[in-house]
C-alpha atoms as a PDB file:
ATOM      1  CA  UNK A   1     262.485  82.723  59.978  1.00  0.00           C
ATOM      2  CA  UNK A   2     265.691  81.316  61.513  1.00  0.00           C
ATOM      3  CA  UNK A   3     267.170  77.846  61.806  1.00  0.00           C
ATOM      4  CA  UNK A   4     268.361  76.610  65.180  1.00  0.00           C
ATOM      5  CA  UNK A   5     270.270  73.535  66.205  1.00  0.00           C
ATOM      6  CA  UNK A   6     268.525  71.409  68.835  1.00  0.00           C
ATOM      7  CA  UNK A   7     269.784  71.557  72.412  1.00  0.00           C
ATOM      8  CA  UNK A   8     272.333  68.883  73.358  1.00  0.00           C
ATOM      9  CA  UNK A   9     272.824  66.844  76.482  1.00  0.00           C
ATOM     10  CA  UNK A  10     270.077  64.288  75.950  1.00  0.00           C
ATOM     11  CA  UNK A  11     269.827  60.912  77.677  1.00  0.00           C
ATOM     12  CA  UNK A  12     270.910  59.250  74.433  1.00  0.00           C
ATOM     13  CA  UNK A  13     274.128  61.304  74.473  1.00  0.00           C
ATOM     14  CA  UNK A  14     274.836  60.171  78.044  1.00  0.00           C
ATOM     15  CA  UNK A  15     274.299  56.524  77.117  1.00  0.00           C
ATOM     16  CA  UNK A  16     276.556  56.822  74.097  1.00  0.00           C
ATOM     17  CA  UNK A  17     279.319  58.423  76.164  1.00  0.00           C
ATOM     18  CA  UNK A  18     279.093  55.585  78.687  1.00  0.00           C
ATOM     19  CA  UNK A  19     279.175  52.998  75.891  1.00  0.00           C
ATOM     20  CA  UNK A  20     282.239  54.625  74.354  1.00  0.00           C
ATOM     21  CA  UNK A  21     284.062  54.513  77.696  1.00  0.00           C
ATOM     22  CA  UNK A  22     283.104  50.865  78.100  1.00  0.00           C
ATOM     23  CA  UNK A  23     284.346  49.961  74.633  1.00  0.00           C
ATOM     24  CA  UNK A  24     287.574  51.901  75.187  1.00  0.00           C
ATOM     25  CA  UNK A  25     288.199  49.695  78.228  1.00  0.00           C
ATOM     26  CA  UNK A  26     287.483  46.592  76.145  1.00  0.00           C
ATOM     27  CA  UNK A  27     289.893  47.843  73.490  1.00  0.00           C
ATOM     28  CA  UNK A  28     292.623  48.230  76.099  1.00  0.00           C
ATOM     29  CA  UNK A  29     292.011  44.686  77.327  1.00  0.00           C
ATOM     30  CA  UNK A  30     292.212  43.365  73.779  1.00  0.00           C
ATOM     31  CA  UNK A  31     295.477  45.218  73.189  1.00  0.00           C
ATOM     32  CA  UNK A  32     296.850  43.553  76.319  1.00  0.00           C
ATOM     33  CA  UNK A  33     295.670  40.191  74.969  1.00  0.00           C
ATOM     34  CA  UNK A  34     297.404  40.840  71.658  1.00  0.00           C
ATOM     35  CA  UNK A  35     300.678  41.617  73.391  1.00  0.00           C
ATOM     36  CA  UNK A  36     300.352  38.353  75.353  1.00  0.00           C
ATOM     37  CA  UNK A  37     299.864  36.448  72.097  1.00  0.00           C
ATOM     38  CA  UNK A  38     302.820  38.215  70.521  1.00  0.00           C
ATOM     39  CA  UNK A  39     304.941  37.118  73.488  1.00  0.00           C
ATOM     40  CA  UNK A  40     304.249  33.508  72.469  1.00  0.00           C
ATOM     41  CA  UNK A  41     301.439  32.465  74.814  1.00  0.00           C
ATOM     42  CA  UNK A  42     299.158  30.690  72.327  1.00  0.00           C
ATOM     43  CA  UNK A  43     297.198  28.552  74.800  1.00  0.00           C
ATOM     44  CA  UNK A  44     294.560  31.301  75.056  1.00  0.00           C
ATOM     45  CA  UNK A  45     294.284  31.879  71.292  1.00  0.00           C
ATOM     46  CA  UNK A  46     290.750  30.475  70.852  1.00  0.00           C
ATOM     47  CA  UNK A  47     289.431  32.388  73.875  1.00  0.00           C
ATOM     48  CA  UNK A  48     291.052  35.540  72.594  1.00  0.00           C
ATOM     49  CA  UNK A  49     289.593  35.013  69.098  1.00  0.00           C
ATOM     50  CA  UNK A  50     286.118  34.614  70.582  1.00  0.00           C
ATOM     51  CA  UNK A  51     286.596  37.793  72.611  1.00  0.00           C
ATOM     52  CA  UNK A  52     287.656  39.698  69.501  1.00  0.00           C
ATOM     53  CA  UNK A  53     284.595  38.465  67.584  1.00  0.00           C
ATOM     54  CA  UNK A  54     282.301  39.425  70.465  1.00  0.00           C
ATOM     55  CA  UNK A  55     283.980  42.807  70.683  1.00  0.00           C
ATOM     56  CA  UNK A  56     283.444  43.579  66.997  1.00  0.00           C
ATOM     57  CA  UNK A  57     279.807  42.484  67.179  1.00  0.00           C
ATOM     58  CA  UNK A  58     279.311  44.752  70.190  1.00  0.00           C
ATOM     59  CA  UNK A  59     280.988  47.675  68.415  1.00  0.00           C
ATOM     60  CA  UNK A  60     278.808  47.159  65.359  1.00  0.00           C
ATOM     61  CA  UNK A  61     275.679  46.921  67.495  1.00  0.00           C
ATOM     62  CA  UNK A  62     276.682  50.036  69.425  1.00  0.00           C
ATOM     63  CA  UNK A  63     277.260  51.932  66.198  1.00  0.00           C
ATOM     64  CA  UNK A  64     273.874  50.856  64.832  1.00  0.00           C
ATOM     65  CA  UNK A  65     272.185  51.968  68.063  1.00  0.00           C
ATOM     66  CA  UNK A  66     274.033  55.278  67.900  1.00  0.00           C
ATOM     67  CA  UNK A  67     272.774  55.845  64.358  1.00  0.00           C
ATOM     68  CA  UNK A  68     269.215  54.927  65.412  1.00  0.00           C
ATOM     69  CA  UNK A  69     269.323  57.233  68.435  1.00  0.00           C
ATOM     70  CA  UNK A  70     270.733  60.082  66.377  1.00  0.00           C
ATOM     71  CA  UNK A  71     267.985  59.618  63.810  1.00  0.00           C
ATOM     72  CA  UNK A  72     265.279  59.643  66.506  1.00  0.00           C
ATOM     73  CA  UNK A  73     266.750  62.717  68.169  1.00  0.00           C
ATOM     74  CA  UNK A  74     266.831  64.523  64.832  1.00  0.00           C
ATOM     75  CA  UNK A  75     263.229  63.533  64.053  1.00  0.00           C
ATOM     76  CA  UNK A  76     262.048  64.710  67.495  1.00  0.00           C
ATOM     77  CA  UNK A  77     263.824  68.020  67.020  1.00  0.00           C
ATOM     78  CA  UNK A  78     262.299  68.485  63.567  1.00  0.00           C
ATOM     79  CA  UNK A  79     265.675  68.513  61.878  1.00  0.00           C
ATOM     80  CA  UNK A  80     265.681  68.311  58.106  1.00  0.00           C
ATOM     81  CA  UNK A  81     268.932  68.417  56.139  1.00  0.00           C
ATOM     82  CA  UNK A  82     271.135  69.194  59.160  1.00  0.00           C
ATOM     83  CA  UNK A  83     269.111  72.059  60.604  1.00  0.00           C
ATOM     84  CA  UNK A  84     265.911  72.548  62.572  1.00  0.00           C
ATOM     85  CA  UNK A  85     263.151  74.905  61.531  1.00  0.00           C
ATOM     86  CA  UNK A  86     262.153  77.461  64.148  1.00  0.00           C
ATOM     87  CA  UNK A  87     258.365  77.083  63.987  1.00  0.00           C
ATOM     88  CA  UNK A  88     257.708  79.966  66.385  1.00  0.00           C
ATOM     89  CA  UNK A  89     259.619  82.328  64.125  1.00  0.00           C
ATOM     90  CA  UNK A  90     257.783  80.909  61.099  1.00  0.00           C
ATOM     91  CA  UNK A  91     254.404  81.526  62.770  1.00  0.00           C
ATOM     92  CA  UNK A  92     255.424  85.078  63.637  1.00  0.00           C
ATOM     93  CA  UNK A  93     256.545  85.708  60.046  1.00  0.00           C
ATOM     94  CA  UNK A  94     253.298  84.301  58.638  1.00  0.00           C
ATOM     95  CA  UNK A  95     251.315  86.446  61.071  1.00  0.00           C
ATOM     96  CA  UNK A  96     253.288  89.530  60.067  1.00  0.00           C
ATOM     97  CA  UNK A  97     252.704  88.879  56.366  1.00  0.00           C
ATOM     98  CA  UNK A  98     248.971  88.274  56.900  1.00  0.00           C
ATOM     99  CA  UNK A  99     248.765  91.535  58.836  1.00  0.00           C
ATOM    100  CA  UNK A 100     250.456  93.339  55.929  1.00  0.00           C
ATOM    101  CA  UNK A 101     247.946  91.836  53.486  1.00  0.00           C
ATOM    102  CA  UNK A 102     245.064  92.852  55.738  1.00  0.00           C
ATOM    103  CA  UNK A 103     246.341  96.445  55.877  1.00  0.00           C
ATOM    104  CA  UNK A 104     246.510  96.646  52.077  1.00  0.00           C
ATOM    105  CA  UNK A 105     242.825  95.837  51.719  1.00  0.00           C
END
């Protein structure tokens, strides 16, 4: 019996990649906002603070979704303790052992 990793490239992976790109763009915008505040423009401070709070909530939500999707993908693939059991190989091994027992009779 062998252990195989599940195939990659699922829809969940595509969605997570898109979300990471989106949040990287948001991070860049927030960095620009920080530099504006550092330059002394404080009239947008409350708007910027709200944007930062929304950003962190979105990051946290994205991370939680990523964990949930990873868990579902692992469950669908039959992964236990970081590896998947190859059920076809297990069936073949069981069949081979039963055949050996039958021959010994």
